[in-house]
């Protein structure tokens, strides 16, 4: 076979689960550890007033989502505009 005609071996890898609840226990445990470390790193580097402000912002977003029927993680240009108007 000439160099320009080398055979290509097809490798099929399964798709990753689309939703976090579909991850296996080991993956969830790893992600939980990463999340815990990230939260601590951010908390250690942010002033207390900033952390309180973020908590208040999250509480407002959560209330907006509950009242509007929008999923918490449905952040789109439309939901952000709707949120600002709601405020």
PDB file of N, CA and C in Angstrom:
ATOM      1  N   UNK A   1       0.856  -1.170   0.000  1.00  0.00           N
ATOM      2  CA  UNK A   1       0.000   0.000   0.000  1.00  0.00           C
ATOM      3  C   UNK A   1       0.902   1.233   0.000  1.00  0.00           C
ATOM      4  N   UNK A   2       0.630   2.180  -0.841  1.00  0.00           N
ATOM      5  CA  UNK A   2       1.422   3.401  -0.932  1.00  0.00           C
ATOM      6  C   UNK A   2       1.158   4.276   0.286  1.00  0.00           C
ATOM      7  N   UNK A   3       2.102   5.187   0.583  1.00  0.00           N
ATOM      8  CA  UNK A   3       1.957   6.087   1.730  1.00  0.00           C
ATOM      9  C   UNK A   3       0.655   6.870   1.681  1.00  0.00           C
ATOM     10  N   UNK A   4       0.230   7.280   0.504  1.00  0.00           N
ATOM     11  CA  UNK A   4      -0.990   8.068   0.399  1.00  0.00           C
ATOM     12  C   UNK A   4      -2.245   7.220   0.527  1.00  0.00           C
ATOM     13  N   UNK A   5      -2.086   5.895   0.627  1.00  0.00           N
ATOM     14  CA  UNK A   5      -3.241   5.005   0.721  1.00  0.00           C
ATOM     15  C   UNK A   5      -3.219   4.191   2.009  1.00  0.00           C
ATOM     16  N   UNK A   6      -2.706   4.745   3.084  1.00  0.00           N
ATOM     17  CA  UNK A   6      -2.649   4.032   4.353  1.00  0.00           C
ATOM     18  C   UNK A   6      -4.053   3.783   4.867  1.00  0.00           C
ATOM     19  N   UNK A   7      -4.252   2.621   5.455  1.00  0.00           N
ATOM     20  CA  UNK A   7      -5.561   2.283   6.015  1.00  0.00           C
ATOM     21  C   UNK A   7      -5.795   3.098   7.275  1.00  0.00           C
ATOM     22  N   UNK A   8      -7.016   3.492   7.460  1.00  0.00           N
ATOM     23  CA  UNK A   8      -7.407   4.244   8.643  1.00  0.00           C
ATOM     24  C   UNK A   8      -8.206   3.322   9.532  1.00  0.00           C
ATOM     25  N   UNK A   9      -7.784   3.213  10.772  1.00  0.00           N
ATOM     26  CA  UNK A   9      -8.511   2.382  11.729  1.00  0.00           C
ATOM     27  C   UNK A   9      -9.545   3.240  12.439  1.00  0.00           C
ATOM     28  N   UNK A  10     -10.774   2.821  12.386  1.00  0.00           N
ATOM     29  CA  UNK A  10     -11.858   3.559  13.015  1.00  0.00           C
ATOM     30  C   UNK A  10     -11.915   3.189  14.491  1.00  0.00           C
ATOM     31  N   UNK A  11     -11.926   4.199  15.319  1.00  0.00           N
ATOM     32  CA  UNK A  11     -12.025   3.987  16.758  1.00  0.00           C
ATOM     33  C   UNK A  11     -13.345   4.604  17.212  1.00  0.00           C
ATOM     34  N   UNK A  12     -14.166   3.810  17.839  1.00  0.00           N
ATOM     35  CA  UNK A  12     -15.459   4.295  18.307  1.00  0.00           C
ATOM     36  C   UNK A  12     -15.400   4.413  19.818  1.00  0.00           C
ATOM     37  N   UNK A  13     -15.669   5.607  20.317  1.00  0.00           N
ATOM     38  CA  UNK A  13     -15.727   5.803  21.759  1.00  0.00           C
ATOM     39  C   UNK A  13     -17.164   6.158  22.119  1.00  0.00           C
ATOM     40  N   UNK A  14     -17.635   5.594  23.200  1.00  0.00           N
ATOM     41  CA  UNK A  14     -19.018   5.910  23.583  1.00  0.00           C
ATOM     42  C   UNK A  14     -19.157   7.377  23.978  1.00  0.00           C
ATOM     43  N   UNK A  15     -20.300   7.941  23.677  1.00  0.00           N
ATOM     44  CA  UNK A  15     -20.565   9.336  24.031  1.00  0.00           C
ATOM     45  C   UNK A  15     -20.671   9.471  25.545  1.00  0.00           C
ATOM     46  N   UNK A  16     -20.206  10.587  26.041  1.00  0.00           N
ATOM     47  CA  UNK A  16     -20.341  10.865  27.475  1.00  0.00           C
ATOM     48  C   UNK A  16     -21.817  11.081  27.791  1.00  0.00           C
ATOM     49  N   UNK A  17     -22.219  10.721  29.000  1.00  0.00           N
ATOM     50  CA  UNK A  17     -23.617  10.980  29.382  1.00  0.00           C
ATOM     51  C   UNK A  17     -23.939  12.463  29.224  1.00  0.00           C
ATOM     52  N   UNK A  18     -25.121  12.740  28.769  1.00  0.00           N
ATOM     53  CA  UNK A  18     -25.506  14.126  28.523  1.00  0.00           C
ATOM     54  C   UNK A  18     -25.894  14.854  29.797  1.00  0.00           C
ATOM     55  N   UNK A  19     -26.278  14.121  30.819  1.00  0.00           N
ATOM     56  CA  UNK A  19     -26.769  14.755  32.041  1.00  0.00           C
ATOM     57  C   UNK A  19     -25.952  14.264  33.234  1.00  0.00           C
ATOM     58  N   UNK A  20     -25.663  15.151  34.171  1.00  0.00           N
ATOM     59  CA  UNK A  20     -24.867  14.753  35.337  1.00  0.00           C
ATOM     60  C   UNK A  20     -25.446  13.564  36.101  1.00  0.00           C
ATOM     61  N   UNK A  21     -26.765  13.457  36.165  1.00  0.00           N
ATOM     62  CA  UNK A  21     -27.355  12.329  36.909  1.00  0.00           C
ATOM     63  C   UNK A  21     -27.089  10.987  36.233  1.00  0.00           C
ATOM     64  N   UNK A  22     -26.603  11.016  34.994  1.00  0.00           N
ATOM     65  CA  UNK A  22     -26.281   9.780  34.285  1.00  0.00           C
ATOM     66  C   UNK A  22     -24.823   9.355  34.485  1.00  0.00           C
ATOM     67  N   UNK A  23     -24.000  10.179  35.137  1.00  0.00           N
ATOM     68  CA  UNK A  23     -22.603   9.829  35.373  1.00  0.00           C
ATOM     69  C   UNK A  23     -22.524   8.670  36.352  1.00  0.00           C
ATOM     70  N   UNK A  24     -21.483   7.866  36.206  1.00  0.00           N
ATOM     71  CA  UNK A  24     -21.296   6.767  37.157  1.00  0.00           C
ATOM     72  C   UNK A  24     -20.814   7.324  38.493  1.00  0.00           C
ATOM     73  N   UNK A  25     -20.831   6.487  39.514  1.00  0.00           N
ATOM     74  CA  UNK A  25     -20.507   6.928  40.881  1.00  0.00           C
ATOM     75  C   UNK A  25     -19.093   7.493  40.983  1.00  0.00           C
ATOM     76  N   UNK A  26     -18.143   6.873  40.298  1.00  0.00           N
ATOM     77  CA  UNK A  26     -16.754   7.345  40.374  1.00  0.00           C
ATOM     78  C   UNK A  26     -16.622   8.737  39.752  1.00  0.00           C
ATOM     79  N   UNK A  27     -17.287   8.968  38.645  1.00  0.00           N
ATOM     80  CA  UNK A  27     -17.233  10.285  37.991  1.00  0.00           C
ATOM     81  C   UNK A  27     -17.893  11.334  38.870  1.00  0.00           C
ATOM     82  N   UNK A  28     -19.033  10.998  39.457  1.00  0.00           N
ATOM     83  CA  UNK A  28     -19.718  11.946  40.341  1.00  0.00           C
ATOM     84  C   UNK A  28     -18.838  12.284  41.544  1.00  0.00           C
ATOM     85  N   UNK A  29     -18.175  11.278  42.105  1.00  0.00           N
ATOM     86  CA  UNK A  29     -17.310  11.521  43.260  1.00  0.00           C
ATOM     87  C   UNK A  29     -16.149  12.436  42.881  1.00  0.00           C
ATOM     88  N   UNK A  30     -15.559  12.210  41.723  1.00  0.00           N
ATOM     89  CA  UNK A  30     -14.461  13.055  41.264  1.00  0.00           C
ATOM     90  C   UNK A  30     -14.936  14.483  41.048  1.00  0.00           C
ATOM     91  N   UNK A  31     -16.096  14.647  40.404  1.00  0.00           N
ATOM     92  CA  UNK A  31     -16.637  15.986  40.170  1.00  0.00           C
ATOM     93  C   UNK A  31     -16.997  16.678  41.477  1.00  0.00           C
ATOM     94  N   UNK A  32     -17.521  15.930  42.444  1.00  0.00           N
ATOM     95  CA  UNK A  32     -17.840  16.517  43.752  1.00  0.00           C
ATOM     96  C   UNK A  32     -16.582  17.053  44.428  1.00  0.00           C
ATOM     97  N   UNK A  33     -15.491  16.289  44.348  1.00  0.00           N
ATOM     98  CA  UNK A  33     -14.226  16.727  44.938  1.00  0.00           C
ATOM     99  C   UNK A  33     -13.710  17.987  44.238  1.00  0.00           C
ATOM    100  N   UNK A  34     -13.752  17.990  42.917  1.00  0.00           N
ATOM    101  CA  UNK A  34     -13.309  19.159  42.161  1.00  0.00           C
ATOM    102  C   UNK A  34     -14.160  20.373  42.531  1.00  0.00           C
ATOM    103  N   UNK A  35     -15.483  20.190  42.597  1.00  0.00           N
ATOM    104  CA  UNK A  35     -16.374  21.294  42.964  1.00  0.00           C
ATOM    105  C   UNK A  35     -16.067  21.816  44.356  1.00  0.00           C
ATOM    106  N   UNK A  36     -15.845  20.915  45.305  1.00  0.00           N
ATOM    107  CA  UNK A  36     -15.543  21.316  46.682  1.00  0.00           C
ATOM    108  C   UNK A  36     -14.258  22.141  46.717  1.00  0.00           C
ATOM    109  N   UNK A  37     -13.236  21.681  45.998  1.00  0.00           N
ATOM    110  CA  UNK A  37     -11.972  22.415  45.977  1.00  0.00           C
ATOM    111  C   UNK A  37     -12.139  23.772  45.303  1.00  0.00           C
ATOM    112  N   UNK A  38     -12.938  23.838  44.249  1.00  0.00           N
ATOM    113  CA  UNK A  38     -13.162  25.110  43.552  1.00  0.00           C
ATOM    114  C   UNK A  38     -13.900  26.097  44.444  1.00  0.00           C
ATOM    115  N   UNK A  39     -14.909  25.623  45.142  1.00  0.00           N
ATOM    116  CA  UNK A  39     -15.672  26.499  46.039  1.00  0.00           C
ATOM    117  C   UNK A  39     -14.765  27.051  47.130  1.00  0.00           C
ATOM    118  N   UNK A  40     -13.923  26.199  47.684  1.00  0.00           N
ATOM    119  CA  UNK A  40     -12.990  26.668  48.728  1.00  0.00           C
ATOM    120  C   UNK A  40     -12.003  27.670  48.180  1.00  0.00           C
ATOM    121  N   UNK A  41     -11.485  27.429  46.978  1.00  0.00           N
ATOM    122  CA  UNK A  41     -10.507  28.347  46.386  1.00  0.00           C
ATOM    123  C   UNK A  41     -11.132  29.717  46.153  1.00  0.00           C
ATOM    124  N   UNK A  42     -12.355  29.727  45.665  1.00  0.00           N
ATOM    125  CA  UNK A  42     -13.039  31.004  45.427  1.00  0.00           C
ATOM    126  C   UNK A  42     -13.350  31.686  46.752  1.00  0.00           C
ATOM    127  N   UNK A  43     -13.856  30.917  47.715  1.00  0.00           N
ATOM    128  CA  UNK A  43     -14.211  31.495  49.013  1.00  0.00           C
ATOM    129  C   UNK A  43     -12.983  32.059  49.717  1.00  0.00           C
ATOM    130  N   UNK A  44     -11.860  31.379  49.591  1.00  0.00           N
ATOM    131  CA  UNK A  44     -10.649  31.851  50.255  1.00  0.00           C
ATOM    132  C   UNK A  44     -10.105  33.125  49.621  1.00  0.00           C
ATOM    133  N   UNK A  45     -10.440  33.378  48.351  1.00  0.00           N
ATOM    134  CA  UNK A  45      -9.891  34.532  47.663  1.00  0.00           C
ATOM    135  C   UNK A  45     -10.851  35.689  47.507  1.00  0.00           C
ATOM    136  N   UNK A  46     -12.062  35.568  48.024  1.00  0.00           N
ATOM    137  CA  UNK A  46     -13.063  36.628  47.863  1.00  0.00           C
ATOM    138  C   UNK A  46     -13.359  37.276  49.211  1.00  0.00           C
ATOM    139  N   UNK A  47     -13.493  38.591  49.228  1.00  0.00           N
ATOM    140  CA  UNK A  47     -13.872  39.261  50.469  1.00  0.00           C
ATOM    141  C   UNK A  47     -15.271  38.805  50.913  1.00  0.00           C
ATOM    142  N   UNK A  48     -15.512  38.877  52.189  1.00  0.00           N
ATOM    143  CA  UNK A  48     -16.795  38.454  52.765  1.00  0.00           C
ATOM    144  C   UNK A  48     -17.965  39.199  52.129  1.00  0.00           C
ATOM    145  N   UNK A  49     -17.824  40.494  51.894  1.00  0.00           N
ATOM    146  CA  UNK A  49     -18.917  41.271  51.281  1.00  0.00           C
ATOM    147  C   UNK A  49     -19.242  40.760  49.880  1.00  0.00           C
ATOM    148  N   UNK A  50     -18.204  40.367  49.150  1.00  0.00           N
ATOM    149  CA  UNK A  50     -18.420  39.831  47.800  1.00  0.00           C
ATOM    150  C   UNK A  50     -19.176  38.514  47.874  1.00  0.00           C
ATOM    151  N   UNK A  51     -18.773  37.639  48.789  1.00  0.00           N
ATOM    152  CA  UNK A  51     -19.457  36.343  48.932  1.00  0.00           C
ATOM    153  C   UNK A  51     -20.908  36.544  49.328  1.00  0.00           C
ATOM    154  N   UNK A  52     -21.177  37.486  50.223  1.00  0.00           N
ATOM    155  CA  UNK A  52     -22.567  37.769  50.619  1.00  0.00           C
ATOM    156  C   UNK A  52     -23.366  38.313  49.439  1.00  0.00           C
ATOM    157  N   UNK A  53     -22.748  39.175  48.645  1.00  0.00           N
ATOM    158  CA  UNK A  53     -23.407  39.721  47.467  1.00  0.00           C
ATOM    159  C   UNK A  53     -23.760  38.631  46.465  1.00  0.00           C
ATOM    160  N   UNK A  54     -22.821  37.710  46.240  1.00  0.00           N
ATOM    161  CA  UNK A  54     -23.087  36.589  45.328  1.00  0.00           C
ATOM    162  C   UNK A  54     -24.240  35.733  45.855  1.00  0.00           C
ATOM    163  N   UNK A  55     -24.253  35.506  47.161  1.00  0.00           N
ATOM    164  CA  UNK A  55     -25.328  34.690  47.756  1.00  0.00           C
ATOM    165  C   UNK A  55     -26.677  35.372  47.565  1.00  0.00           C
ATOM    166  N   UNK A  56     -26.703  36.682  47.725  1.00  0.00           N
ATOM    167  CA  UNK A  56     -27.953  37.421  47.517  1.00  0.00           C
ATOM    168  C   UNK A  56     -28.377  37.372  46.048  1.00  0.00           C
ATOM    169  N   UNK A  57     -27.405  37.499  45.144  1.00  0.00           N
ATOM    170  CA  UNK A  57     -27.715  37.416  43.715  1.00  0.00           C
ATOM    171  C   UNK A  57     -28.277  36.043  43.356  1.00  0.00           C
ATOM    172  N   UNK A  58     -27.670  34.988  43.906  1.00  0.00           N
ATOM    173  CA  UNK A  58     -28.141  33.628  43.629  1.00  0.00           C
ATOM    174  C   UNK A  58     -29.545  33.432  44.187  1.00  0.00           C
ATOM    175  N   UNK A  59     -29.800  33.974  45.362  1.00  0.00           N
ATOM    176  CA  UNK A  59     -31.139  33.862  45.951  1.00  0.00           C
ATOM    177  C   UNK A  59     -32.165  34.551  45.059  1.00  0.00           C
ATOM    178  N   UNK A  60     -31.813  35.717  44.517  1.00  0.00           N
ATOM    179  CA  UNK A  60     -32.723  36.425  43.606  1.00  0.00           C
ATOM    180  C   UNK A  60     -32.965  35.616  42.347  1.00  0.00           C
ATOM    181  N   UNK A  61     -31.898  35.078  41.759  1.00  0.00           N
ATOM    182  CA  UNK A  61     -32.030  34.261  40.548  1.00  0.00           C
ATOM    183  C   UNK A  61     -32.890  33.031  40.832  1.00  0.00           C
ATOM    184  N   UNK A  62     -32.664  32.397  41.961  1.00  0.00           N
ATOM    185  CA  UNK A  62     -33.435  31.196  42.324  1.00  0.00           C
ATOM    186  C   UNK A  62     -34.919  31.520  42.473  1.00  0.00           C
ATOM    187  N   UNK A  63     -35.212  32.648  43.106  1.00  0.00           N
ATOM    188  CA  UNK A  63     -36.607  33.058  43.275  1.00  0.00           C
ATOM    189  C   UNK A  63     -37.236  33.361  41.917  1.00  0.00           C
ATOM    190  N   UNK A  64     -36.514  34.082  41.068  1.00  0.00           N
ATOM    191  CA  UNK A  64     -36.991  34.374  39.715  1.00  0.00           C
ATOM    192  C   UNK A  64     -37.302  33.085  38.961  1.00  0.00           C
ATOM    193  N   UNK A  65     -36.381  32.128  39.019  1.00  0.00           N
ATOM    194  CA  UNK A  65     -36.573  30.860  38.304  1.00  0.00           C
ATOM    195  C   UNK A  65     -37.807  30.125  38.821  1.00  0.00           C
ATOM    196  N   UNK A  66     -37.965  30.090  40.135  1.00  0.00           N
ATOM    197  CA  UNK A  66     -39.116  29.401  40.724  1.00  0.00           C
ATOM    198  C   UNK A  66     -40.422  30.066  40.294  1.00  0.00           C
ATOM    199  N   UNK A  67     -40.451  31.381  40.327  1.00  0.00           N
ATOM    200  CA  UNK A  67     -41.673  32.101  39.967  1.00  0.00           C
ATOM    201  C   UNK A  67     -41.965  32.054  38.470  1.00  0.00           C
ATOM    202  N   UNK A  68     -40.916  31.954  37.659  1.00  0.00           N
ATOM    203  CA  UNK A  68     -41.080  31.995  36.206  1.00  0.00           C
ATOM    204  C   UNK A  68     -41.154  30.613  35.570  1.00  0.00           C
ATOM    205  N   UNK A  69     -40.850  29.578  36.354  1.00  0.00           N
ATOM    206  CA  UNK A  69     -40.831  28.232  35.798  1.00  0.00           C
ATOM    207  C   UNK A  69     -39.623  27.963  34.917  1.00  0.00           C
ATOM    208  N   UNK A  70     -38.558  28.730  35.124  1.00  0.00           N
ATOM    209  CA  UNK A  70     -37.326  28.572  34.353  1.00  0.00           C
ATOM    210  C   UNK A  70     -36.370  27.683  35.151  1.00  0.00           C
ATOM    211  N   UNK A  71     -35.759  26.670  34.530  1.00  0.00           N
ATOM    212  CA  UNK A  71     -34.770  25.860  35.248  1.00  0.00           C
ATOM    213  C   UNK A  71     -33.597  26.722  35.716  1.00  0.00           C
ATOM    214  N   UNK A  72     -33.035  26.407  36.860  1.00  0.00           N
ATOM    215  CA  UNK A  72     -31.947  27.210  37.434  1.00  0.00           C
ATOM    216  C   UNK A  72     -30.782  27.430  36.480  1.00  0.00           C
ATOM    217  N   UNK A  73     -30.465  26.440  35.680  1.00  0.00           N
ATOM    218  CA  UNK A  73     -29.296  26.553  34.811  1.00  0.00           C
ATOM    219  C   UNK A  73     -29.643  26.963  33.388  1.00  0.00           C
ATOM    220  N   UNK A  74     -30.870  27.433  33.169  1.00  0.00           N
ATOM    221  CA  UNK A  74     -31.297  27.857  31.835  1.00  0.00           C
ATOM    222  C   UNK A  74     -30.892  29.308  31.598  1.00  0.00           C
ATOM    223  N   UNK A  75     -29.600  29.539  31.533  1.00  0.00           N
ATOM    224  CA  UNK A  75     -29.076  30.888  31.334  1.00  0.00           C
ATOM    225  C   UNK A  75     -28.933  31.119  29.831  1.00  0.00           C
ATOM    226  N   UNK A  76     -29.783  31.956  29.312  1.00  0.00           N
ATOM    227  CA  UNK A  76     -29.762  32.319  27.899  1.00  0.00           C
ATOM    228  C   UNK A  76     -29.925  33.837  27.819  1.00  0.00           C
ATOM    229  N   UNK A  77     -29.668  34.422  26.665  1.00  0.00           N
ATOM    230  CA  UNK A  77     -29.903  35.865  26.564  1.00  0.00           C
ATOM    231  C   UNK A  77     -31.337  36.237  26.964  1.00  0.00           C
ATOM    232  N   UNK A  78     -32.299  35.434  26.552  1.00  0.00           N
ATOM    233  CA  UNK A  78     -33.692  35.729  26.877  1.00  0.00           C
ATOM    234  C   UNK A  78     -33.988  35.650  28.360  1.00  0.00           C
ATOM    235  N   UNK A  79     -33.468  34.612  29.037  1.00  0.00           N
ATOM    236  CA  UNK A  79     -33.748  34.497  30.473  1.00  0.00           C
ATOM    237  C   UNK A  79     -33.048  35.603  31.252  1.00  0.00           C
ATOM    238  N   UNK A  80     -31.876  36.030  30.791  1.00  0.00           N
ATOM    239  CA  UNK A  80     -31.182  37.118  31.485  1.00  0.00           C
ATOM    240  C   UNK A  80     -31.934  38.441  31.343  1.00  0.00           C
ATOM    241  N   UNK A  81     -32.451  38.715  30.136  1.00  0.00           N
ATOM    242  CA  UNK A  81     -33.248  39.931  29.943  1.00  0.00           C
ATOM    243  C   UNK A  81     -34.507  39.855  30.794  1.00  0.00           C
ATOM    244  N   UNK A  82     -35.155  38.696  30.797  1.00  0.00           N
ATOM    245  CA  UNK A  82     -36.362  38.508  31.592  1.00  0.00           C
ATOM    246  C   UNK A  82     -36.066  38.713  33.081  1.00  0.00           C
ATOM    247  N   UNK A  83     -34.911  38.209  33.528  1.00  0.00           N
ATOM    248  CA  UNK A  83     -34.483  38.358  34.919  1.00  0.00           C
ATOM    249  C   UNK A  83     -34.299  39.828  35.287  1.00  0.00           C
ATOM    250  N   UNK A  84     -33.604  40.569  34.422  1.00  0.00           N
ATOM    251  CA  UNK A  84     -33.368  41.992  34.680  1.00  0.00           C
ATOM    252  C   UNK A  84     -34.697  42.742  34.759  1.00  0.00           C
ATOM    253  N   UNK A  85     -35.601  42.423  33.856  1.00  0.00           N
ATOM    254  CA  UNK A  85     -36.921  43.071  33.919  1.00  0.00           C
ATOM    255  C   UNK A  85     -37.665  42.674  35.181  1.00  0.00           C
ATOM    256  N   UNK A  86     -37.520  41.435  35.599  1.00  0.00           N
ATOM    257  CA  UNK A  86     -38.162  40.936  36.826  1.00  0.00           C
ATOM    258  C   UNK A  86     -37.638  41.676  38.046  1.00  0.00           C
ATOM    259  N   UNK A  87     -36.341  41.941  38.040  1.00  0.00           N
ATOM    260  CA  UNK A  87     -35.745  42.662  39.172  1.00  0.00           C
ATOM    261  C   UNK A  87     -36.393  44.010  39.347  1.00  0.00           C
TER     262      UNK A  87
END
